[in-house]
Amino acid sequence: MAVLLLSSVCLTALALPGVARAQAVEEDAGDADLAGPQDPTAGPMSPQAAGAAAAAVPATSGVAPATGDAEITGAIGDDAVVGGGLLRDQDLIRSNLRETSVDGLRSALAADDDVPGIPLGTFTLKPSIGQTVNSETTRSGDSRERRTYTETGLKGTLTSDWSRHQLSITGEGYWQRNLSGTGETKPRADLDAALRLDISRDTIATLRAGYSFDREDATDPNAIDGAETQAGVNQYSLGAGIEHDFGILRGSAKVDVNRLTYSDVDLSSGTALSQKDRNRDVGTLTTRIGYELSPALIPFIEASIGRGIYELRTDSLGYSRSYKTYSGRAGVEADLGEKLKGELALGYNTYRFDDARLKTLNGATIDGLVNWSPQRGTDVSTGLSTTLEPSTTSGESGALAYTLSSRVTHELRSALVARLSNSLTFRNYPSGSVSSDTKVWLTGAGLTYDINRYLALTGDVSYERTTPDRGQATSVARIGVGLTLRR
């Protein structure tokens, strides 16, 4: 009996290695079929990566591959696999595989160095706060004014992560405090919200709302001479639009409503001057139709009609400044991917005032925005705009302002970005006006150094010059340095 038991144990010990080797050969063959050629520098593949590789290889037999919902089966989606660095589907068909690091280890930092933000349910919040110290010098004729001040800025974006539709909210606000010298502080704020509704594959609706605050400069055409503090401008906006793809034709329509209110001006004598007669509501209806020559090139025509109604029937000088506006434009919209995108349009605009004593404003318009990326890490943005600037001067209707602006950003290093901006505004009044035409030139440069993904060091310098055809020129020079904390 003992002999039989000993014989059984020996036979079992001899058979087990053969069975194990056979199973290992079968498993290795299965893995080789799934993964294809192996990178000799790659590490062992995780079970999740093997599952993703199996899904990526096309079926060669007559049996269709199984499909299922990732939430039900627990499978890892392509985005998760690629983002985690486990496997890239492109590697399965590459004959020249990517080079690994010298030590064969994976980088501790993710490829995307952007700030991840704060998850709030189905939203992502990306806030930042900045503090700068600035010096400003203003020259007008023989006079000079200098001040040193701090500026605290708060920015934030809140973006939804929904399968359909999207809500995006952006906001920023800046507050200034003088440390030395004299000069007017210029607080400003901006808040915008946009809701995109994906009604169908070919129809998209958009709802918008916004608020902005800014203080008029002493060089503005409606500024009060000798004022201690110029008027603050509050703008409230609402809008709704819809776009539909008719095949080779694309149509859109939108309605925009804006309300502008002006605060009192503080005079050097200690009194206040009301600006209530400048408060107004402006509504505009715009329609556009485009013809798709190709997915990258769409010529279009656009027409709009609007109405501006002042809160007071007449201003302090007895003029009724409410107006009607009519405009038409023709242009082209281009989308060549990341390298070039934008639109450019030429048109004509007419502003007719209710008061017959005010001249009608007519003029050609040019509007557009073009984004160009000549190389990776370099972005160039160029804009053109035409706007109406109503006047508060007796007998003056206003001016048409043409603005050309550009902004260039360039990555000098992975953590160092340089900025350069320029803008030129021509403010043209009707012939025979008391007010003189004006040119405003603004240029600036700056650097941003990312100490890490959460903290950045910034430096900026700018120069602004306002030159009227008649009168003294005014120049403002600024320089500042600060820190920005992001999350």
Protein backbone atom coordinates (compact mmCIF):
# COMPACT_ATOMS: atom_id res chain seq x y z
CA MET A 1 0.00 0.00 0.00
CA ALA A 2 2.83 2.39 0.85
CA VAL A 3 4.55 1.51 -2.42
CA LEU A 4 1.40 2.35 -4.44
CA LEU A 5 0.98 5.69 -2.62
CA LEU A 6 4.63 6.63 -3.24
CA SER A 7 4.29 5.76 -6.94
CA SER A 8 1.20 8.00 -7.31
CA VAL A 9 2.99 10.98 -5.73
CA CYS A 10 6.01 10.58 -8.03
CA LEU A 11 3.86 10.35 -11.18
CA THR A 12 1.90 13.47 -10.17
CA ALA A 13 5.12 15.46 -9.54
CA LEU A 14 6.47 14.48 -12.94
CA ALA A 15 3.23 15.39 -14.77
CA LEU A 16 2.61 18.84 -13.21
CA PRO A 17 5.56 20.71 -14.88
CA GLY A 18 4.45 19.50 -18.30
CA VAL A 19 0.89 20.68 -17.72
CA ALA A 20 2.11 24.07 -16.43
CA ARG A 21 4.39 24.50 -19.44
CA ALA A 22 1.55 23.66 -21.81
CA GLN A 23 -0.77 26.17 -20.15
CA ALA A 24 1.95 28.84 -20.24
CA VAL A 25 2.54 28.23 -23.95
CA GLU A 26 -1.19 28.58 -24.66
CA GLU A 27 -1.46 31.80 -22.59
CA ASP A 28 1.64 33.28 -24.24
CA ALA A 29 0.26 32.47 -27.67
CA GLY A 30 -3.07 34.12 -26.78
CA ASP A 31 -1.34 37.23 -25.48
CA ALA A 32 0.84 37.41 -28.58
CA ASP A 33 -2.23 37.24 -30.82
CA LEU A 34 -3.83 40.08 -28.89
CA ALA A 35 -0.93 42.44 -28.49
CA GLY A 36 0.92 41.92 -31.78
CA PRO A 37 4.62 42.82 -32.00
CA GLN A 38 6.02 43.72 -28.61
CA ASP A 39 8.25 46.72 -27.94
CA PRO A 40 11.42 45.24 -26.40
CA THR A 41 11.73 48.32 -24.18
CA ALA A 42 8.17 48.18 -22.89
CA GLY A 43 7.30 46.87 -19.47
CA PRO A 44 4.77 44.15 -18.67
CA MET A 45 1.24 44.86 -19.89
CA SER A 46 -1.46 45.29 -17.31
CA PRO A 47 -4.74 43.35 -17.54
CA GLN A 48 -6.56 46.57 -18.45
CA ALA A 49 -4.15 47.26 -21.30
CA ALA A 50 -4.52 43.71 -22.57
CA GLY A 51 -8.29 44.17 -22.62
CA ALA A 52 -7.96 47.40 -24.56
CA ALA A 53 -5.58 45.76 -27.03
CA ALA A 54 -8.05 42.95 -27.61
CA ALA A 55 -10.75 45.50 -28.42
CA ALA A 56 -8.41 47.34 -30.80
CA VAL A 57 -7.49 44.29 -32.97
CA PRO A 58 -9.99 43.68 -35.79
CA ALA A 59 -11.72 40.32 -35.91
CA THR A 60 -10.34 37.91 -38.54
CA SER A 61 -12.83 35.11 -38.17
CA GLY A 62 -16.42 35.04 -39.22
CA VAL A 63 -17.59 35.70 -35.66
CA ALA A 64 -18.37 39.37 -34.94
CA PRO A 65 -16.65 40.89 -31.90
CA ALA A 66 -18.77 41.29 -28.83
CA THR A 67 -19.95 44.79 -27.94
CA GLY A 68 -21.38 46.21 -24.75
CA ASP A 69 -21.89 49.27 -22.59
CA ALA A 70 -18.72 50.29 -20.75
CA GLU A 71 -20.74 51.17 -17.65
CA ILE A 72 -22.28 47.69 -17.57
CA THR A 73 -19.21 45.64 -18.41
CA GLY A 74 -16.72 47.76 -16.49
CA ALA A 75 -14.45 48.08 -19.53
CA ILE A 76 -11.99 50.97 -19.71
CA GLY A 77 -12.72 53.42 -22.53
CA ASP A 78 -10.13 54.51 -25.09
CA ASP A 79 -9.75 57.93 -23.47
CA ALA A 80 -8.97 56.41 -20.10
CA VAL A 81 -6.38 54.05 -21.57
CA VAL A 82 -4.64 56.72 -23.63
CA GLY A 83 -4.80 59.31 -20.84
CA GLY A 84 -3.32 56.88 -18.33
CA GLY A 85 -0.37 56.09 -20.57
CA LEU A 86 -1.13 52.33 -20.57
CA LEU A 87 -1.52 51.91 -24.32
CA ARG A 88 -1.95 54.01 -27.45
CA ASP A 89 -3.94 52.46 -30.27
CA GLN A 90 -1.61 54.02 -32.84
CA ASP A 91 1.25 51.88 -31.53
CA LEU A 92 -0.52 48.74 -32.75
CA ILE A 93 0.03 49.78 -36.38
CA ARG A 94 3.39 51.58 -36.02
CA SER A 95 6.52 49.92 -37.37
CA ASN A 96 8.73 52.53 -35.65
CA LEU A 97 7.61 52.50 -32.05
CA ARG A 98 8.01 55.53 -29.82
CA GLU A 99 11.29 55.97 -27.98
CA THR A 100 11.12 55.45 -24.25
CA SER A 101 13.01 57.38 -21.59
CA VAL A 102 16.70 56.65 -21.03
CA ASP A 103 16.09 54.90 -17.73
CA GLY A 104 13.02 53.10 -19.02
CA LEU A 105 10.79 54.71 -16.40
CA ARG A 106 7.58 56.59 -17.04
CA SER A 107 7.48 60.34 -16.29
CA ALA A 108 5.96 61.22 -12.93
CA LEU A 109 4.10 64.18 -14.50
CA ALA A 110 1.19 63.83 -16.87
CA ALA A 111 1.64 64.99 -20.47
CA ASP A 112 -0.99 67.69 -19.91
CA ASP A 113 0.37 70.31 -17.52
CA ASP A 114 -2.87 72.31 -17.43
CA VAL A 115 -4.40 72.97 -14.04
CA PRO A 116 -6.94 70.17 -13.42
CA GLY A 117 -9.50 72.38 -11.69
CA ILE A 118 -11.97 71.57 -8.94
CA PRO A 119 -14.71 69.03 -9.77
CA LEU A 120 -18.18 70.13 -8.63
CA GLY A 121 -20.57 67.37 -9.61
CA THR A 122 -20.86 67.50 -13.40
CA PHE A 123 -18.95 70.82 -13.52
CA THR A 124 -15.28 71.76 -13.36
CA LEU A 125 -14.23 75.01 -11.68
CA LYS A 126 -10.89 76.61 -12.55
CA PRO A 127 -10.28 79.67 -10.34
CA SER A 128 -7.22 81.90 -10.14
CA ILE A 129 -6.22 84.92 -8.09
CA GLY A 130 -3.47 87.38 -8.90
CA GLN A 131 -1.71 90.25 -7.18
CA THR A 132 0.41 92.81 -9.03
CA VAL A 133 2.33 95.96 -8.12
CA ASN A 134 2.28 98.60 -10.85
CA SER A 135 3.65 102.02 -11.67
CA GLU A 136 1.75 104.38 -13.99
CA THR A 137 2.79 107.71 -15.51
CA THR A 138 0.35 109.95 -17.37
CA ARG A 139 1.48 112.91 -19.50
CA SER A 140 -0.83 115.49 -21.08
CA GLY A 141 0.88 118.51 -22.57
CA ASP A 142 3.23 119.92 -19.92
CA SER A 143 1.52 118.19 -16.98
CA ARG A 144 2.56 114.83 -15.55
CA GLU A 145 0.84 112.55 -13.04
CA ARG A 146 2.37 109.46 -11.47
CA ARG A 147 1.04 106.79 -9.14
CA THR A 148 2.04 103.41 -7.71
CA TYR A 149 -0.77 100.98 -7.04
CA THR A 150 -1.63 97.36 -6.39
CA GLU A 151 -4.16 95.44 -8.44
CA THR A 152 -5.93 92.34 -7.20
CA GLY A 153 -7.53 90.15 -9.85
CA LEU A 154 -9.87 87.20 -9.55
CA LYS A 155 -10.71 84.94 -12.50
CA GLY A 156 -12.70 81.77 -12.87
CA THR A 157 -14.32 79.42 -15.37
CA LEU A 158 -17.09 76.92 -14.66
CA THR A 159 -17.71 74.39 -17.43
CA SER A 160 -20.16 71.50 -17.56
CA ASP A 161 -19.23 67.95 -18.54
CA TRP A 162 -22.46 66.67 -20.03
CA SER A 163 -22.99 64.17 -22.83
CA ARG A 164 -25.27 66.73 -24.53
CA HIS A 165 -25.53 70.50 -24.22
CA GLN A 166 -22.95 72.65 -22.46
CA LEU A 167 -23.00 75.45 -19.91
CA SER A 168 -19.96 77.69 -19.63
CA ILE A 169 -19.56 80.56 -17.15
CA THR A 170 -16.53 82.85 -17.15
CA GLY A 171 -15.84 85.77 -14.86
CA GLU A 172 -13.09 88.15 -13.86
CA GLY A 173 -12.78 91.19 -11.64
CA TYR A 174 -9.99 93.65 -10.82
CA TRP A 175 -9.69 96.09 -7.92
CA GLN A 176 -6.99 98.75 -7.58
CA ARG A 177 -5.57 100.57 -4.55
CA ASN A 178 -3.15 103.49 -4.75
CA LEU A 179 0.01 103.17 -2.65
CA SER A 180 1.49 106.55 -3.56
CA GLY A 181 0.96 109.44 -5.94
CA THR A 182 -2.29 110.69 -7.40
CA GLY A 183 -4.47 109.22 -10.07
CA GLU A 184 -7.85 107.65 -10.60
CA THR A 185 -8.30 103.95 -9.85
CA LYS A 186 -9.91 101.87 -12.59
CA PRO A 187 -11.82 98.86 -11.24
CA ARG A 188 -13.39 96.55 -13.80
CA ALA A 189 -15.42 93.36 -13.90
CA ASP A 190 -16.79 90.98 -16.50
CA LEU A 191 -19.17 88.01 -16.17
CA ASP A 192 -20.52 85.91 -19.05
CA ALA A 193 -22.64 82.77 -19.23
CA ALA A 194 -23.47 80.73 -22.35
CA LEU A 195 -25.76 77.70 -22.60
CA ARG A 196 -25.51 75.60 -25.77
CA LEU A 197 -28.52 73.39 -26.49
CA ASP A 198 -27.96 70.53 -28.93
CA ILE A 199 -31.52 70.31 -30.24
CA SER A 200 -30.63 67.91 -33.04
CA ARG A 201 -27.69 66.92 -35.18
CA ASP A 202 -28.24 69.93 -37.46
CA THR A 203 -29.74 72.46 -35.02
CA ILE A 204 -28.03 74.25 -32.14
CA ALA A 205 -29.54 76.94 -29.91
CA THR A 206 -27.57 79.29 -27.67
CA LEU A 207 -28.65 81.38 -24.68
CA ARG A 208 -26.34 84.09 -23.32
CA ALA A 209 -26.25 86.49 -20.39
CA GLY A 210 -23.57 88.85 -19.16
CA TYR A 211 -22.55 91.82 -17.05
CA SER A 212 -19.56 94.14 -17.26
CA PHE A 213 -18.32 97.20 -15.41
CA ASP A 214 -15.65 99.66 -16.45
CA ARG A 215 -14.71 103.24 -15.71
CA GLU A 216 -14.29 105.78 -18.48
CA ASP A 217 -10.81 107.16 -19.06
CA ALA A 218 -10.00 110.85 -19.00
CA THR A 219 -9.20 110.53 -22.73
CA ASP A 220 -12.68 109.21 -23.66
CA PRO A 221 -14.62 111.56 -25.97
CA ASN A 222 -17.43 111.95 -23.39
CA ALA A 223 -15.16 112.37 -20.36
CA ILE A 224 -15.67 115.42 -18.11
CA ASP A 225 -12.67 117.76 -17.95
CA GLY A 226 -11.26 118.28 -14.46
CA ALA A 227 -13.29 115.46 -12.91
CA GLU A 228 -11.98 113.69 -9.82
CA THR A 229 -13.62 110.41 -10.85
CA GLN A 230 -15.09 109.68 -14.27
CA ALA A 231 -18.38 107.85 -14.82
CA GLY A 232 -18.62 104.12 -14.26
CA VAL A 233 -20.28 102.14 -17.07
CA ASN A 234 -22.51 99.16 -16.22
CA GLN A 235 -23.58 96.95 -19.12
CA TYR A 236 -26.15 94.15 -18.84
CA SER A 237 -26.67 91.82 -21.79
CA LEU A 238 -29.05 89.04 -22.82
CA GLY A 239 -29.06 87.07 -26.04
CA ALA A 240 -30.56 84.08 -27.80
CA GLY A 241 -29.66 82.49 -31.10
CA ILE A 242 -30.26 79.44 -33.25
CA GLU A 243 -28.21 77.82 -36.02
CA HIS A 244 -29.36 75.20 -38.53
CA ASP A 245 -27.50 73.22 -41.17
CA PHE A 246 -29.60 72.83 -44.33
CA GLY A 247 -26.95 70.83 -46.16
CA ILE A 248 -24.92 73.16 -48.36
CA LEU A 249 -26.72 76.11 -46.76
CA ARG A 250 -26.29 77.24 -43.17
CA GLY A 251 -28.65 79.71 -41.54
CA SER A 252 -28.64 81.49 -38.20
CA ALA A 253 -30.62 84.15 -36.35
CA LYS A 254 -29.99 85.86 -33.04
CA VAL A 255 -31.43 88.56 -30.80
CA ASP A 256 -29.27 90.66 -28.48
CA VAL A 257 -30.48 93.11 -25.83
CA ASN A 258 -28.10 95.40 -23.92
CA ARG A 259 -28.70 97.95 -21.18
CA LEU A 260 -26.08 100.57 -20.37
CA THR A 261 -26.18 102.72 -17.23
CA TYR A 262 -23.72 105.43 -16.15
CA SER A 263 -22.84 106.46 -12.60
CA ASP A 264 -22.38 110.07 -11.48
CA VAL A 265 -19.14 111.93 -12.16
CA ASP A 266 -17.33 113.24 -9.06
CA LEU A 267 -16.05 116.76 -9.72
CA SER A 268 -12.97 118.28 -8.11
CA SER A 269 -15.25 120.82 -6.39
CA GLY A 270 -16.81 118.01 -4.35
CA THR A 271 -20.13 117.95 -6.24
CA ALA A 272 -21.52 115.19 -8.45
CA LEU A 273 -22.70 115.46 -12.05
CA SER A 274 -25.50 113.07 -13.05
CA GLN A 275 -25.05 111.00 -16.21
CA LYS A 276 -28.55 109.53 -16.16
CA ASP A 277 -29.41 111.05 -19.54
CA ARG A 278 -26.88 108.64 -21.13
CA ASN A 279 -28.65 105.49 -19.87
CA ARG A 280 -30.10 103.49 -22.75
CA ASP A 281 -31.39 100.13 -23.96
CA VAL A 282 -30.25 98.67 -27.29
CA GLY A 283 -31.83 95.72 -29.11
CA THR A 284 -30.53 94.09 -32.30
CA LEU A 285 -31.87 91.33 -34.57
CA THR A 286 -29.30 89.66 -36.84
CA THR A 287 -29.79 86.99 -39.51
CA ARG A 288 -27.13 85.20 -41.55
CA ILE A 289 -27.10 82.68 -44.37
CA GLY A 290 -23.98 80.94 -45.64
CA TYR A 291 -23.15 78.68 -48.58
CA GLU A 292 -20.77 75.80 -47.92
CA LEU A 293 -18.23 75.72 -50.75
CA SER A 294 -16.35 73.21 -48.60
CA PRO A 295 -16.31 72.34 -44.91
CA ALA A 296 -13.42 74.80 -44.55
CA LEU A 297 -14.81 77.73 -46.57
CA ILE A 298 -18.27 79.29 -46.16
CA PRO A 299 -19.15 82.65 -47.78
CA PHE A 300 -22.08 84.41 -46.09
CA ILE A 301 -24.32 87.45 -46.13
CA GLU A 302 -25.70 89.06 -42.99
CA ALA A 303 -28.31 91.71 -42.20
CA SER A 304 -29.29 93.35 -38.93
CA ILE A 305 -31.73 95.91 -37.63
CA GLY A 306 -31.62 97.58 -34.24
CA ARG A 307 -33.14 100.18 -31.99
CA GLY A 308 -31.55 102.27 -29.24
CA ILE A 309 -33.89 103.92 -26.72
CA TYR A 310 -32.61 106.37 -24.10
CA GLU A 311 -34.05 106.28 -20.58
CA LEU A 312 -34.83 110.01 -20.76
CA ARG A 313 -36.70 111.26 -23.80
CA THR A 314 -34.28 114.19 -24.09
CA ASP A 315 -30.84 114.74 -22.59
CA SER A 316 -29.73 117.69 -20.46
CA LEU A 317 -29.18 119.74 -23.63
CA GLY A 318 -32.64 119.03 -25.05
CA TYR A 319 -31.67 116.48 -27.74
CA SER A 320 -33.59 113.26 -28.40
CA ARG A 321 -30.76 110.78 -28.97
CA SER A 322 -32.73 107.54 -29.48
CA TYR A 323 -31.86 105.98 -32.84
CA LYS A 324 -32.50 103.21 -35.36
CA THR A 325 -29.72 101.25 -37.00
CA TYR A 326 -29.57 99.22 -40.23
CA SER A 327 -26.59 97.27 -41.48
CA GLY A 328 -25.61 94.67 -44.06
CA ARG A 329 -22.44 92.64 -44.42
CA ALA A 330 -20.90 90.09 -46.76
CA GLY A 331 -17.91 87.97 -45.86
CA VAL A 332 -16.33 84.57 -45.62
CA GLU A 333 -15.85 82.13 -42.76
CA ALA A 334 -12.82 79.81 -42.86
CA ASP A 335 -11.89 76.83 -40.71
CA LEU A 336 -8.60 75.15 -41.65
CA GLY A 337 -8.22 73.41 -38.32
CA GLU A 338 -5.73 74.45 -35.66
CA LYS A 339 -3.56 76.41 -38.11
CA LEU A 340 -6.07 78.99 -39.36
CA LYS A 341 -9.62 79.84 -38.32
CA GLY A 342 -11.79 82.94 -38.41
CA GLU A 343 -14.02 85.21 -40.49
CA LEU A 344 -13.87 88.56 -42.25
CA ALA A 345 -16.77 90.72 -43.49
CA LEU A 346 -17.28 94.08 -45.21
CA GLY A 347 -20.51 96.05 -44.99
CA TYR A 348 -22.32 99.33 -44.53
CA ASN A 349 -24.04 100.75 -41.46
CA THR A 350 -26.57 103.56 -40.91
CA TYR A 351 -27.61 105.25 -37.65
CA ARG A 352 -30.69 107.49 -37.84
CA PHE A 353 -31.49 109.62 -34.79
CA ASP A 354 -34.99 110.64 -33.69
CA ASP A 355 -33.87 114.27 -33.42
CA ALA A 356 -33.65 115.84 -36.87
CA ARG A 357 -30.94 118.22 -35.61
CA LEU A 358 -28.53 115.29 -35.23
CA LYS A 359 -26.77 114.15 -38.39
CA THR A 360 -27.26 110.59 -39.61
CA LEU A 361 -24.16 108.47 -39.20
CA ASN A 362 -23.27 106.44 -42.30
CA GLY A 363 -20.14 104.51 -43.02
CA ALA A 364 -18.48 101.39 -44.34
CA THR A 365 -17.79 98.69 -41.78
CA ILE A 366 -15.12 96.03 -41.54
CA ASP A 367 -15.33 93.31 -38.91
CA GLY A 368 -13.49 90.07 -38.40
CA LEU A 369 -11.38 87.85 -36.22
CA VAL A 370 -8.63 85.54 -37.48
CA ASN A 371 -6.66 83.06 -35.33
CA TRP A 372 -3.43 81.75 -36.86
CA SER A 373 -0.88 79.32 -35.47
CA PRO A 374 2.26 79.38 -37.67
CA GLN A 375 4.00 76.80 -35.48
CA ARG A 376 3.44 74.84 -32.31
CA GLY A 377 3.56 77.12 -29.29
CA THR A 378 2.89 80.31 -31.29
CA ASP A 379 -0.59 81.84 -31.64
CA VAL A 380 -1.52 85.01 -33.51
CA SER A 381 -4.95 86.64 -33.15
CA THR A 382 -5.99 89.60 -35.34
CA GLY A 383 -9.28 91.47 -34.99
CA LEU A 384 -11.14 94.22 -36.84
CA SER A 385 -14.25 95.98 -35.52
CA THR A 386 -16.53 98.95 -36.25
CA THR A 387 -18.62 100.48 -33.46
CA LEU A 388 -20.84 103.50 -32.81
CA GLU A 389 -19.84 105.89 -30.02
CA PRO A 390 -22.78 108.21 -29.21
CA SER A 391 -21.82 111.76 -28.24
CA THR A 392 -22.97 113.98 -25.38
CA THR A 393 -21.74 117.20 -27.04
CA SER A 394 -24.40 119.69 -28.12
CA GLY A 395 -25.31 119.11 -31.77
CA GLU A 396 -23.00 116.10 -32.15
CA SER A 397 -24.48 112.73 -33.12
CA GLY A 398 -21.38 110.65 -32.41
CA ALA A 399 -18.52 108.90 -34.16
CA LEU A 400 -17.74 105.67 -35.97
CA ALA A 401 -14.73 103.97 -34.40
CA TYR A 402 -12.58 101.54 -36.42
CA THR A 403 -10.26 99.32 -34.38
CA LEU A 404 -7.45 97.03 -35.56
CA SER A 405 -5.98 94.79 -32.86
CA SER A 406 -3.48 91.94 -32.71
CA ARG A 407 -2.09 89.64 -30.04
CA VAL A 408 0.83 87.20 -30.25
CA THR A 409 1.76 84.55 -27.69
CA HIS A 410 4.88 82.43 -28.01
CA GLU A 411 6.31 79.67 -25.83
CA LEU A 412 9.97 80.53 -25.31
CA ARG A 413 10.28 77.47 -23.08
CA SER A 414 7.84 74.93 -21.73
CA ALA A 415 7.30 77.12 -18.65
CA LEU A 416 7.93 80.58 -20.17
CA VAL A 417 5.41 82.37 -22.42
CA ALA A 418 5.91 85.77 -24.06
CA ARG A 419 3.03 88.07 -25.05
CA LEU A 420 2.86 91.01 -27.44
CA SER A 421 -0.27 93.07 -28.18
CA ASN A 422 -1.10 96.11 -30.30
CA SER A 423 -4.26 98.03 -31.16
CA LEU A 424 -5.01 101.12 -33.22
CA THR A 425 -8.37 102.96 -33.13
CA PHE A 426 -9.53 105.65 -35.54
CA ARG A 427 -12.46 107.69 -34.20
CA ASN A 428 -14.13 109.52 -37.12
CA TYR A 429 -16.80 112.23 -36.68
CA PRO A 430 -19.06 113.53 -39.48
CA SER A 431 -17.72 116.45 -41.49
CA GLY A 432 -18.35 119.82 -39.86
CA SER A 433 -18.40 118.39 -36.32
CA VAL A 434 -17.06 120.36 -33.38
CA SER A 435 -15.27 117.26 -32.07
CA SER A 436 -12.02 116.34 -33.79
CA ASP A 437 -11.04 112.96 -35.18
CA THR A 438 -8.81 110.98 -32.85
CA LYS A 439 -6.25 108.18 -33.07
CA VAL A 440 -5.57 105.88 -30.11
CA TRP A 441 -2.55 103.56 -30.15
CA LEU A 442 -1.97 100.93 -27.47
CA THR A 443 0.95 98.50 -27.30
CA GLY A 444 2.07 96.08 -24.63
CA ALA A 445 4.38 93.16 -23.87
CA GLY A 446 4.60 90.64 -21.08
CA LEU A 447 6.11 87.42 -19.78
CA THR A 448 4.57 84.59 -17.77
CA TYR A 449 6.83 82.10 -15.99
CA ASP A 450 5.13 79.01 -14.58
CA ILE A 451 6.92 78.17 -11.34
CA ASN A 452 4.67 75.11 -11.25
CA ARG A 453 1.24 74.31 -12.58
CA TYR A 454 -0.39 76.25 -9.73
CA LEU A 455 1.82 79.35 -9.39
CA ALA A 456 3.02 81.77 -12.08
CA LEU A 457 5.18 84.91 -12.09
CA THR A 458 4.04 87.67 -14.47
CA GLY A 459 5.55 90.89 -15.78
CA ASP A 460 3.91 93.44 -18.08
CA VAL A 461 4.69 96.78 -19.69
CA SER A 462 2.33 98.90 -21.82
CA TYR A 463 2.11 102.28 -23.51
CA GLU A 464 -1.01 104.14 -24.69
CA ARG A 465 -1.13 107.36 -26.71
CA THR A 466 -4.23 109.36 -27.65
CA THR A 467 -3.72 111.93 -30.41
CA PRO A 468 -6.61 114.20 -31.47
CA ASP A 469 -6.43 116.20 -34.69
CA ARG A 470 -6.90 119.30 -32.57
CA GLY A 471 -5.68 119.62 -29.01
CA GLN A 472 -3.02 118.05 -26.81
CA ALA A 473 -1.90 114.43 -26.99
CA THR A 474 -2.05 112.23 -23.89
CA SER A 475 0.22 109.28 -23.13
CA VAL A 476 0.06 106.65 -20.38
CA ALA A 477 2.94 104.29 -19.54
CA ARG A 478 2.55 101.32 -17.18
CA ILE A 479 4.85 98.64 -15.81
CA GLY A 480 3.99 95.90 -13.34
CA VAL A 481 5.03 92.58 -11.82
CA GLY A 482 2.96 90.05 -9.91
CA LEU A 483 2.05 86.49 -8.93
CA THR A 484 -0.91 84.39 -10.04
CA LEU A 485 -2.21 81.41 -8.06
CA ARG A 486 -4.27 78.88 -10.05
CA ARG A 487 -6.19 75.78 -9.11
